[in-house]
Amino acid sequence: MHAIIRTGGKQYRVAEGQTLRVESLPVNPGDSIELGDVLMISDAGQTLVGTPLLAGAKVVATVVANGRGEKIRIVKFRRRKHHRKQMGHRQNFTQLEINSIVKG
């Protein structure tokens, strides 16, 4: 059984027992969270598709950790103009472990 959920402006395909990183959520590690934006559920050949969401469906997950991703470097360079600008960025994330998928 797997589902497609929406969180943080992105869509993820999840299955029970899977661990994934999503955009940062305001929750503490060890807490349980319910993700209600379920777009699709597929189970043993039966597929339920929402328009756009499935009513009553939810995905229950446990927060494993909050953290920051790897640093990426941004370099802006203009040739022959004696101009170079460097920046760095680390994106915050929340790591979730999917416990169950409820059809509703």
PDB file of N, CA and C in Angstrom:
ATOM      1  N   MET A   1       0.851  -1.175   0.000  1.00  0.00           N
ATOM      2  CA  MET A   1       0.000   0.000   0.000  1.00  0.00           C
ATOM      3  C   MET A   1       0.892   1.232   0.000  1.00  0.00           C
ATOM      4  N   HIS A   2       0.581   2.161  -0.888  1.00  0.00           N
ATOM      5  CA  HIS A   2       1.307   3.428  -0.901  1.00  0.00           C
ATOM      6  C   HIS A   2       0.331   4.570  -1.170  1.00  0.00           C
ATOM      7  N   ALA A   3       0.800   5.780  -0.860  1.00  0.00           N
ATOM      8  CA  ALA A   3      -0.038   6.968  -1.032  1.00  0.00           C
ATOM      9  C   ALA A   3       0.815   8.098  -1.570  1.00  0.00           C
ATOM     10  N   ILE A   4       0.147   9.078  -2.150  1.00  0.00           N
ATOM     11  CA  ILE A   4       0.817  10.309  -2.573  1.00  0.00           C
ATOM     12  C   ILE A   4       0.262  11.424  -1.703  1.00  0.00           C
ATOM     13  N   ILE A   5       1.171  12.095  -0.969  1.00  0.00           N
ATOM     14  CA  ILE A   5       0.776  13.162  -0.053  1.00  0.00           C
ATOM     15  C   ILE A   5       1.371  14.473  -0.518  1.00  0.00           C
ATOM     16  N   ARG A   6       0.816  15.565   0.012  1.00  0.00           N
ATOM     17  CA  ARG A   6       1.335  16.899  -0.300  1.00  0.00           C
ATOM     18  C   ARG A   6       1.678  17.589   1.009  1.00  0.00           C
ATOM     19  N   THR A   7       2.919  18.070   1.125  1.00  0.00           N
ATOM     20  CA  THR A   7       3.353  18.847   2.274  1.00  0.00           C
ATOM     21  C   THR A   7       4.502  19.742   1.857  1.00  0.00           C
ATOM     22  N   GLY A   8       4.486  20.960   2.347  1.00  0.00           N
ATOM     23  CA  GLY A   8       5.556  21.897   2.019  1.00  0.00           C
ATOM     24  C   GLY A   8       5.601  22.286   0.562  1.00  0.00           C
ATOM     25  N   GLY A   9       4.460  22.218  -0.146  1.00  0.00           N
ATOM     26  CA  GLY A   9       4.430  22.590  -1.551  1.00  0.00           C
ATOM     27  C   GLY A   9       4.971  21.526  -2.490  1.00  0.00           C
ATOM     28  N   LYS A  10       5.277  20.342  -1.963  1.00  0.00           N
ATOM     29  CA  LYS A  10       5.805  19.254  -2.778  1.00  0.00           C
ATOM     30  C   LYS A  10       4.945  18.017  -2.584  1.00  0.00           C
ATOM     31  N   GLN A  11       5.037  17.080  -3.527  1.00  0.00           N
ATOM     32  CA  GLN A  11       4.301  15.825  -3.434  1.00  0.00           C
ATOM     33  C   GLN A  11       5.288  14.685  -3.247  1.00  0.00           C
ATOM     34  N   TYR A  12       4.919  13.720  -2.381  1.00  0.00           N
ATOM     35  CA  TYR A  12       5.783  12.594  -2.066  1.00  0.00           C
ATOM     36  C   TYR A  12       4.988  11.307  -2.175  1.00  0.00           C
ATOM     37  N   ARG A  13       5.624  10.254  -2.692  1.00  0.00           N
ATOM     38  CA  ARG A  13       5.031   8.915  -2.694  1.00  0.00           C
ATOM     39  C   ARG A  13       5.569   8.212  -1.464  1.00  0.00           C
ATOM     40  N   VAL A  14       4.672   7.757  -0.594  1.00  0.00           N
ATOM     41  CA  VAL A  14       5.082   7.156   0.672  1.00  0.00           C
ATOM     42  C   VAL A  14       4.456   5.779   0.832  1.00  0.00           C
ATOM     43  N   ALA A  15       5.131   4.944   1.613  1.00  0.00           N
ATOM     44  CA  ALA A  15       4.637   3.619   1.973  1.00  0.00           C
ATOM     45  C   ALA A  15       4.882   3.424   3.467  1.00  0.00           C
ATOM     46  N   GLU A  16       4.180   2.479   4.070  1.00  0.00           N
ATOM     47  CA  GLU A  16       4.333   2.232   5.492  1.00  0.00           C
ATOM     48  C   GLU A  16       5.750   1.753   5.788  1.00  0.00           C
ATOM     49  N   GLY A  17       6.347   2.299   6.852  1.00  0.00           N
ATOM     50  CA  GLY A  17       7.707   1.944   7.245  1.00  0.00           C
ATOM     51  C   GLY A  17       8.793   2.770   6.571  1.00  0.00           C
ATOM     52  N   GLN A  18       8.426   3.603   5.632  1.00  0.00           N
ATOM     53  CA  GLN A  18       9.395   4.417   4.892  1.00  0.00           C
ATOM     54  C   GLN A  18       9.811   5.636   5.717  1.00  0.00           C
ATOM     55  N   THR A  19      11.060   6.066   5.544  1.00  0.00           N
ATOM     56  CA  THR A  19      11.562   7.286   6.160  1.00  0.00           C
ATOM     57  C   THR A  19      11.861   8.283   5.057  1.00  0.00           C
ATOM     58  N   LEU A  20      11.392   9.527   5.232  1.00  0.00           N
ATOM     59  CA  LEU A  20      11.648  10.535   4.210  1.00  0.00           C
ATOM     60  C   LEU A  20      11.867  11.893   4.841  1.00  0.00           C
ATOM     61  N   ARG A  21      12.519  12.760   4.089  1.00  0.00           N
ATOM     62  CA  ARG A  21      12.774  14.138   4.513  1.00  0.00           C
ATOM     63  C   ARG A  21      11.820  15.065   3.779  1.00  0.00           C
ATOM     64  N   VAL A  22      11.129  15.914   4.552  1.00  0.00           N
ATOM     65  CA  VAL A  22      10.202  16.885   3.979  1.00  0.00           C
ATOM     66  C   VAL A  22      10.633  18.277   4.430  1.00  0.00           C
ATOM     67  N   GLU A  23       9.978  19.291   3.881  1.00  0.00           N
ATOM     68  CA  GLU A  23      10.248  20.655   4.306  1.00  0.00           C
ATOM     69  C   GLU A  23       9.985  20.782   5.801  1.00  0.00           C
ATOM     70  N   SER A  24      10.677  21.695   6.448  1.00  0.00           N
ATOM     71  CA  SER A  24      10.630  21.834   7.896  1.00  0.00           C
ATOM     72  C   SER A  24       9.206  22.049   8.416  1.00  0.00           C
ATOM     73  N   LEU A  25       8.831  21.260   9.435  1.00  0.00           N
ATOM     74  CA  LEU A  25       7.532  21.360  10.082  1.00  0.00           C
ATOM     75  C   LEU A  25       7.735  21.756  11.546  1.00  0.00           C
ATOM     76  N   PRO A  26       6.806  22.529  12.127  1.00  0.00           N
ATOM     77  CA  PRO A  26       6.981  22.987  13.520  1.00  0.00           C
ATOM     78  C   PRO A  26       6.561  21.918  14.531  1.00  0.00           C
ATOM     79  N   VAL A  27       7.284  20.793  14.577  1.00  0.00           N
ATOM     80  CA  VAL A  27       7.008  19.705  15.515  1.00  0.00           C
ATOM     81  C   VAL A  27       8.317  19.242  16.141  1.00  0.00           C
ATOM     82  N   ASN A  28       8.208  18.592  17.290  1.00  0.00           N
ATOM     83  CA  ASN A  28       9.385  18.110  18.012  1.00  0.00           C
ATOM     84  C   ASN A  28       9.651  16.652  17.676  1.00  0.00           C
ATOM     85  N   PRO A  29      10.918  16.221  17.748  1.00  0.00           N
ATOM     86  CA  PRO A  29      11.234  14.813  17.500  1.00  0.00           C
ATOM     87  C   PRO A  29      10.510  13.910  18.499  1.00  0.00           C
ATOM     88  N   GLY A  30       9.984  12.797  18.006  1.00  0.00           N
ATOM     89  CA  GLY A  30       9.237  11.859  18.829  1.00  0.00           C
ATOM     90  C   GLY A  30       7.737  12.066  18.781  1.00  0.00           C
ATOM     91  N   ASP A  31       7.290  13.229  18.307  1.00  0.00           N
ATOM     92  CA  ASP A  31       5.856  13.500  18.209  1.00  0.00           C
ATOM     93  C   ASP A  31       5.245  12.754  17.027  1.00  0.00           C
ATOM     94  N   SER A  32       3.955  12.524  17.113  1.00  0.00           N
ATOM     95  CA  SER A  32       3.209  11.921  16.016  1.00  0.00           C
ATOM     96  C   SER A  32       2.491  13.034  15.266  1.00  0.00           C
ATOM     97  N   ILE A  33       2.413  12.908  13.954  1.00  0.00           N
ATOM     98  CA  ILE A  33       1.790  13.939  13.124  1.00  0.00           C
ATOM     99  C   ILE A  33       0.886  13.266  12.106  1.00  0.00           C
ATOM    100  N   GLU A  34      -0.239  13.908  11.816  1.00  0.00           N
ATOM    101  CA  GLU A  34      -1.161  13.410  10.803  1.00  0.00           C
ATOM    102  C   GLU A  34      -1.106  14.326   9.594  1.00  0.00           C
ATOM    103  N   LEU A  35      -0.829  13.754   8.445  1.00  0.00           N
ATOM    104  CA  LEU A  35      -0.786  14.507   7.196  1.00  0.00           C
ATOM    105  C   LEU A  35      -2.096  14.250   6.465  1.00  0.00           C
ATOM    106  N   GLY A  36      -2.926  15.284   6.340  1.00  0.00           N
ATOM    107  CA  GLY A  36      -4.260  15.128   5.789  1.00  0.00           C
ATOM    108  C   GLY A  36      -4.386  15.394   4.301  1.00  0.00           C
ATOM    109  N   ASP A  37      -3.349  15.964   3.679  1.00  0.00           N
ATOM    110  CA  ASP A  37      -3.408  16.251   2.242  1.00  0.00           C
ATOM    111  C   ASP A  37      -2.997  15.005   1.448  1.00  0.00           C
ATOM    112  N   VAL A  38      -3.915  14.048   1.342  1.00  0.00           N
ATOM    113  CA  VAL A  38      -3.655  12.806   0.613  1.00  0.00           C
ATOM    114  C   VAL A  38      -4.304  12.928  -0.759  1.00  0.00           C
ATOM    115  N   LEU A  39      -3.496  12.809  -1.806  1.00  0.00           N
ATOM    116  CA  LEU A  39      -3.971  12.960  -3.181  1.00  0.00           C
ATOM    117  C   LEU A  39      -4.408  11.637  -3.799  1.00  0.00           C
ATOM    118  N   MET A  40      -3.731  10.527  -3.413  1.00  0.00           N
ATOM    119  CA  MET A  40      -4.023   9.238  -4.018  1.00  0.00           C
ATOM    120  C   MET A  40      -3.610   8.118  -3.079  1.00  0.00           C
ATOM    121  N   ILE A  41      -4.352   7.029  -3.081  1.00  0.00           N
ATOM    122  CA  ILE A  41      -3.990   5.827  -2.336  1.00  0.00           C
ATOM    123  C   ILE A  41      -4.118   4.640  -3.280  1.00  0.00           C
ATOM    124  N   SER A  42      -3.105   3.774  -3.270  1.00  0.00           N
ATOM    125  CA  SER A  42      -3.127   2.577  -4.090  1.00  0.00           C
ATOM    126  C   SER A  42      -2.881   1.375  -3.188  1.00  0.00           C
ATOM    127  N   ASP A  43      -3.759   0.363  -3.300  1.00  0.00           N
ATOM    128  CA  ASP A  43      -3.651  -0.818  -2.457  1.00  0.00           C
ATOM    129  C   ASP A  43      -4.088  -2.045  -3.248  1.00  0.00           C
ATOM    130  N   ALA A  44      -3.155  -2.935  -3.532  1.00  0.00           N
ATOM    131  CA  ALA A  44      -3.417  -4.217  -4.197  1.00  0.00           C
ATOM    132  C   ALA A  44      -4.246  -4.055  -5.470  1.00  0.00           C
ATOM    133  N   GLY A  45      -3.830  -3.162  -6.336  1.00  0.00           N
ATOM    134  CA  GLY A  45      -4.513  -2.985  -7.607  1.00  0.00           C
ATOM    135  C   GLY A  45      -5.698  -2.039  -7.567  1.00  0.00           C
ATOM    136  N   GLN A  46      -6.158  -1.675  -6.380  1.00  0.00           N
ATOM    137  CA  GLN A  46      -7.259  -0.723  -6.251  1.00  0.00           C
ATOM    138  C   GLN A  46      -6.665   0.655  -6.019  1.00  0.00           C
ATOM    139  N   THR A  47      -7.064   1.632  -6.826  1.00  0.00           N
ATOM    140  CA  THR A  47      -6.530   2.979  -6.732  1.00  0.00           C
ATOM    141  C   THR A  47      -7.656   3.964  -6.464  1.00  0.00           C
ATOM    142  N   LEU A  48      -7.461   4.782  -5.430  1.00  0.00           N
ATOM    143  CA  LEU A  48      -8.406   5.844  -5.099  1.00  0.00           C
ATOM    144  C   LEU A  48      -7.732   7.178  -5.388  1.00  0.00           C
ATOM    145  N   VAL A  49      -8.350   7.987  -6.235  1.00  0.00           N
ATOM    146  CA  VAL A  49      -7.782   9.279  -6.622  1.00  0.00           C
ATOM    147  C   VAL A  49      -8.718  10.372  -6.149  1.00  0.00           C
ATOM    148  N   GLY A  50      -8.174  11.388  -5.467  1.00  0.00           N
ATOM    149  CA  GLY A  50      -8.972  12.487  -4.968  1.00  0.00           C
ATOM    150  C   GLY A  50      -9.164  13.574  -6.004  1.00  0.00           C
ATOM    151  N   THR A  51     -10.115  14.467  -5.726  1.00  0.00           N
ATOM    152  CA  THR A  51     -10.370  15.589  -6.636  1.00  0.00           C
ATOM    153  C   THR A  51     -10.405  16.896  -5.863  1.00  0.00           C
ATOM    154  N   PRO A  52      -9.366  17.521  -5.441  1.00  0.00           N
ATOM    155  CA  PRO A  52      -7.977  17.078  -5.523  1.00  0.00           C
ATOM    156  C   PRO A  52      -7.538  16.218  -4.344  1.00  0.00           C
ATOM    157  N   LEU A  53      -8.289  16.226  -3.208  1.00  0.00           N
ATOM    158  CA  LEU A  53      -7.900  15.455  -2.031  1.00  0.00           C
ATOM    159  C   LEU A  53      -8.922  14.356  -1.754  1.00  0.00           C
ATOM    160  N   LEU A  54      -8.453  13.297  -1.086  1.00  0.00           N
ATOM    161  CA  LEU A  54      -9.340  12.229  -0.656  1.00  0.00           C
ATOM    162  C   LEU A  54      -9.944  12.608   0.692  1.00  0.00           C
ATOM    163  N   ALA A  55     -11.275  12.604   0.790  1.00  0.00           N
ATOM    164  CA  ALA A  55     -11.954  12.981   2.026  1.00  0.00           C
ATOM    165  C   ALA A  55     -11.743  11.908   3.086  1.00  0.00           C
ATOM    166  N   GLY A  56     -11.298  12.317   4.268  1.00  0.00           N
ATOM    167  CA  GLY A  56     -11.118  11.399   5.386  1.00  0.00           C
ATOM    168  C   GLY A  56      -9.831  10.610   5.378  1.00  0.00           C
ATOM    169  N   ALA A  57      -9.073  10.661   4.312  1.00  0.00           N
ATOM    170  CA  ALA A  57      -7.818   9.913   4.246  1.00  0.00           C
ATOM    171  C   ALA A  57      -6.721  10.693   4.955  1.00  0.00           C
ATOM    172  N   LYS A  58      -5.809   9.957   5.592  1.00  0.00           N
ATOM    173  CA  LYS A  58      -4.686  10.609   6.260  1.00  0.00           C
ATOM    174  C   LYS A  58      -3.523   9.638   6.344  1.00  0.00           C
ATOM    175  N   VAL A  59      -2.345  10.218   6.552  1.00  0.00           N
ATOM    176  CA  VAL A  59      -1.128   9.443   6.746  1.00  0.00           C
ATOM    177  C   VAL A  59      -0.582   9.813   8.119  1.00  0.00           C
ATOM    178  N   VAL A  60      -0.361   8.815   8.953  1.00  0.00           N
ATOM    179  CA  VAL A  60       0.145   9.041  10.301  1.00  0.00           C
ATOM    180  C   VAL A  60       1.642   8.757  10.288  1.00  0.00           C
ATOM    181  N   ALA A  61       2.426   9.722  10.799  1.00  0.00           N
ATOM    182  CA  ALA A  61       3.882   9.600  10.787  1.00  0.00           C
ATOM    183  C   ALA A  61       4.452  10.028  12.134  1.00  0.00           C
ATOM    184  N   THR A  62       5.659   9.561  12.431  1.00  0.00           N
ATOM    185  CA  THR A  62       6.396   9.943  13.624  1.00  0.00           C
ATOM    186  C   THR A  62       7.589  10.781  13.198  1.00  0.00           C
ATOM    187  N   VAL A  63       7.830  11.881  13.919  1.00  0.00           N
ATOM    188  CA  VAL A  63       8.957  12.753  13.609  1.00  0.00           C
ATOM    189  C   VAL A  63      10.224  12.119  14.173  1.00  0.00           C
ATOM    190  N   VAL A  64      11.180  11.818  13.306  1.00  0.00           N
ATOM    191  CA  VAL A  64      12.446  11.219  13.722  1.00  0.00           C
ATOM    192  C   VAL A  64      13.425  12.306  14.143  1.00  0.00           C
ATOM    193  N   ALA A  65      13.552  13.360  13.341  1.00  0.00           N
ATOM    194  CA  ALA A  65      14.520  14.410  13.639  1.00  0.00           C
ATOM    195  C   ALA A  65      14.205  15.663  12.848  1.00  0.00           C
ATOM    196  N   ASN A  66      14.693  16.779  13.360  1.00  0.00           N
ATOM    197  CA  ASN A  66      14.717  18.036  12.623  1.00  0.00           C
ATOM    198  C   ASN A  66      16.178  18.349  12.363  1.00  0.00           C
ATOM    199  N   GLY A  67      16.484  18.902  11.212  1.00  0.00           N
ATOM    200  CA  GLY A  67      17.890  19.177  10.919  1.00  0.00           C
ATOM    201  C   GLY A  67      18.051  20.144   9.771  1.00  0.00           C
ATOM    202  N   ARG A  68      19.303  20.234   9.335  1.00  0.00           N
ATOM    203  CA  ARG A  68      19.653  21.099   8.218  1.00  0.00           C
ATOM    204  C   ARG A  68      20.421  20.283   7.194  1.00  0.00           C
ATOM    205  N   GLY A  69      20.133  20.527   5.931  1.00  0.00           N
ATOM    206  CA  GLY A  69      20.762  19.774   4.849  1.00  0.00           C
ATOM    207  C   GLY A  69      22.193  20.222   4.596  1.00  0.00           C
ATOM    208  N   GLU A  70      22.784  19.626   3.584  1.00  0.00           N
ATOM    209  CA  GLU A  70      24.144  19.976   3.174  1.00  0.00           C
ATOM    210  C   GLU A  70      24.186  21.403   2.649  1.00  0.00           C
ATOM    211  N   LYS A  71      25.319  22.052   2.836  1.00  0.00           N
ATOM    212  CA  LYS A  71      25.475  23.419   2.342  1.00  0.00           C
ATOM    213  C   LYS A  71      25.694  23.397   0.836  1.00  0.00           C
ATOM    214  N   ILE A  72      24.960  24.272   0.149  1.00  0.00           N
ATOM    215  CA  ILE A  72      25.199  24.457  -1.277  1.00  0.00           C
ATOM    216  C   ILE A  72      25.817  25.837  -1.471  1.00  0.00           C
ATOM    217  N   ARG A  73      26.648  25.964  -2.455  1.00  0.00           N
ATOM    218  CA  ARG A  73      27.338  27.223  -2.747  1.00  0.00           C
ATOM    219  C   ARG A  73      26.718  27.871  -3.971  1.00  0.00           C
ATOM    220  N   ILE A  74      26.457  29.161  -3.863  1.00  0.00           N
ATOM    221  CA  ILE A  74      25.945  29.936  -4.987  1.00  0.00           C
ATOM    222  C   ILE A  74      27.022  30.948  -5.349  1.00  0.00           C
ATOM    223  N   VAL A  75      27.456  30.948  -6.598  1.00  0.00           N
ATOM    224  CA  VAL A  75      28.498  31.868  -7.053  1.00  0.00           C
ATOM    225  C   VAL A  75      27.954  32.646  -8.236  1.00  0.00           C
ATOM    226  N   LYS A  76      27.979  33.972  -8.114  1.00  0.00           N
ATOM    227  CA  LYS A  76      27.609  34.841  -9.225  1.00  0.00           C
ATOM    228  C   LYS A  76      28.897  35.506  -9.706  1.00  0.00           C
ATOM    229  N   PHE A  77      29.150  35.375 -10.978  1.00  0.00           N
ATOM    230  CA  PHE A  77      30.414  35.835 -11.535  1.00  0.00           C
ATOM    231  C   PHE A  77      30.147  36.558 -12.844  1.00  0.00           C
ATOM    232  N   ARG A  78      30.733  37.751 -12.973  1.00  0.00           N
ATOM    233  CA  ARG A  78      30.619  38.485 -14.236  1.00  0.00           C
ATOM    234  C   ARG A  78      32.018  38.657 -14.813  1.00  0.00           C
ATOM    235  N   ARG A  79      32.205  38.096 -15.962  1.00  0.00           N
ATOM    236  CA  ARG A  79      33.528  38.129 -16.559  1.00  0.00           C
ATOM    237  C   ARG A  79      33.906  39.553 -16.965  1.00  0.00           C
ATOM    238  N   ARG A  80      35.155  39.847 -16.845  1.00  0.00           N
ATOM    239  CA  ARG A  80      35.780  41.120 -17.248  1.00  0.00           C
ATOM    240  C   ARG A  80      35.237  42.322 -16.467  1.00  0.00           C
ATOM    241  N   LYS A  81      34.475  42.122 -15.412  1.00  0.00           N
ATOM    242  CA  LYS A  81      33.902  43.246 -14.662  1.00  0.00           C
ATOM    243  C   LYS A  81      34.449  43.321 -13.238  1.00  0.00           C
ATOM    244  N   HIS A  82      35.387  42.438 -12.883  1.00  0.00           N
ATOM    245  CA  HIS A  82      35.970  42.404 -11.549  1.00  0.00           C
ATOM    246  C   HIS A  82      34.882  42.267 -10.490  1.00  0.00           C
ATOM    247  N   HIS A  83      33.934  41.357 -10.760  1.00  0.00           N
ATOM    248  CA  HIS A  83      32.791  41.170  -9.868  1.00  0.00           C
ATOM    249  C   HIS A  83      32.582  39.674  -9.608  1.00  0.00           C
ATOM    250  N   ARG A  84      32.554  39.316  -8.333  1.00  0.00           N
ATOM    251  CA  ARG A  84      32.252  37.944  -7.940  1.00  0.00           C
ATOM    252  C   ARG A  84      31.541  37.982  -6.591  1.00  0.00           C
ATOM    253  N   LYS A  85      30.441  37.233  -6.490  1.00  0.00           N
ATOM    254  CA  LYS A  85      29.658  37.215  -5.267  1.00  0.00           C
ATOM    255  C   LYS A  85      29.418  35.757  -4.883  1.00  0.00           C
ATOM    256  N   GLN A  86      29.687  35.397  -3.631  1.00  0.00           N
ATOM    257  CA  GLN A  86      29.483  34.037  -3.156  1.00  0.00           C
ATOM    258  C   GLN A  86      28.469  34.031  -2.016  1.00  0.00           C
ATOM    259  N   MET A  87      27.608  33.032  -2.038  1.00  0.00           N
ATOM    260  CA  MET A  87      26.650  32.830  -0.952  1.00  0.00           C
ATOM    261  C   MET A  87      26.559  31.336  -0.679  1.00  0.00           C
ATOM    262  N   GLY A  88      26.036  31.003   0.494  1.00  0.00           N
ATOM    263  CA  GLY A  88      25.793  29.611   0.841  1.00  0.00           C
ATOM    264  C   GLY A  88      24.381  29.476   1.376  1.00  0.00           C
ATOM    265  N   HIS A  89      23.861  28.242   1.360  1.00  0.00           N
ATOM    266  CA  HIS A  89      22.497  28.007   1.840  1.00  0.00           C
ATOM    267  C   HIS A  89      22.397  26.595   2.395  1.00  0.00           C
ATOM    268  N   ARG A  90      21.736  26.461   3.554  1.00  0.00           N
ATOM    269  CA  ARG A  90      21.413  25.157   4.137  1.00  0.00           C
ATOM    270  C   ARG A  90      19.919  25.128   4.404  1.00  0.00           C
ATOM    271  N   GLN A  91      19.232  24.179   3.782  1.00  0.00           N
ATOM    272  CA  GLN A  91      17.784  24.082   3.901  1.00  0.00           C
ATOM    273  C   GLN A  91      17.405  23.280   5.139  1.00  0.00           C
ATOM    274  N   ASN A  92      16.427  23.774   5.916  1.00  0.00           N
ATOM    275  CA  ASN A  92      15.917  23.043   7.066  1.00  0.00           C
ATOM    276  C   ASN A  92      15.015  21.905   6.591  1.00  0.00           C
ATOM    277  N   PHE A  93      15.017  20.780   7.333  1.00  0.00           N
ATOM    278  CA  PHE A  93      14.159  19.656   6.979  1.00  0.00           C
ATOM    279  C   PHE A  93      13.627  18.988   8.239  1.00  0.00           C
ATOM    280  N   THR A  94      12.573  18.195   8.054  1.00  0.00           N
ATOM    281  CA  THR A  94      12.030  17.332   9.099  1.00  0.00           C
ATOM    282  C   THR A  94      12.027  15.920   8.541  1.00  0.00           C
ATOM    283  N   GLN A  95      12.590  14.982   9.306  1.00  0.00           N
ATOM    284  CA  GLN A  95      12.641  13.592   8.863  1.00  0.00           C
ATOM    285  C   GLN A  95      11.480  12.837   9.506  1.00  0.00           C
ATOM    286  N   LEU A  96      10.668  12.192   8.665  1.00  0.00           N
ATOM    287  CA  LEU A  96       9.466  11.489   9.112  1.00  0.00           C
ATOM    288  C   LEU A  96       9.581  10.008   8.847  1.00  0.00           C
ATOM    289  N   GLU A  97       8.983   9.208   9.733  1.00  0.00           N
ATOM    290  CA  GLU A  97       8.825   7.777   9.500  1.00  0.00           C
ATOM    291  C   GLU A  97       7.340   7.485   9.400  1.00  0.00           C
ATOM    292  N   ILE A  98       6.913   6.914   8.279  1.00  0.00           N
ATOM    293  CA  ILE A  98       5.497   6.680   8.020  1.00  0.00           C
ATOM    294  C   ILE A  98       5.038   5.451   8.812  1.00  0.00           C
ATOM    295  N   ASN A  99       4.013   5.636   9.661  1.00  0.00           N
ATOM    296  CA  ASN A  99       3.488   4.541  10.472  1.00  0.00           C
ATOM    297  C   ASN A  99       2.322   3.835   9.804  1.00  0.00           C
ATOM    298  N   SER A 100       1.343   4.606   9.324  1.00  0.00           N
ATOM    299  CA  SER A 100       0.174   3.979   8.728  1.00  0.00           C
ATOM    300  C   SER A 100      -0.478   4.904   7.713  1.00  0.00           C
ATOM    301  N   ILE A 101      -1.230   4.290   6.808  1.00  0.00           N
ATOM    302  CA  ILE A 101      -2.005   5.013   5.811  1.00  0.00           C
ATOM    303  C   ILE A 101      -3.475   4.640   6.026  1.00  0.00           C
ATOM    304  N   VAL A 102      -4.311   5.633   6.280  1.00  0.00           N
ATOM    305  CA  VAL A 102      -5.734   5.407   6.580  1.00  0.00           C
ATOM    306  C   VAL A 102      -6.564   5.881   5.383  1.00  0.00           C
ATOM    307  N   LYS A 103      -7.406   4.996   4.858  1.00  0.00           N
ATOM    308  CA  LYS A 103      -8.221   5.345   3.684  1.00  0.00           C
ATOM    309  C   LYS A 103      -9.347   6.301   4.021  1.00  0.00           C
ATOM    310  N   GLY A 104      -9.926   6.190   5.187  1.00  0.00           N
ATOM    311  CA  GLY A 104     -10.983   7.111   5.591  1.00  0.00           C
ATOM    312  C   GLY A 104     -12.328   6.740   5.232  1.00  0.00           C
TER     313      GLY A 104
END
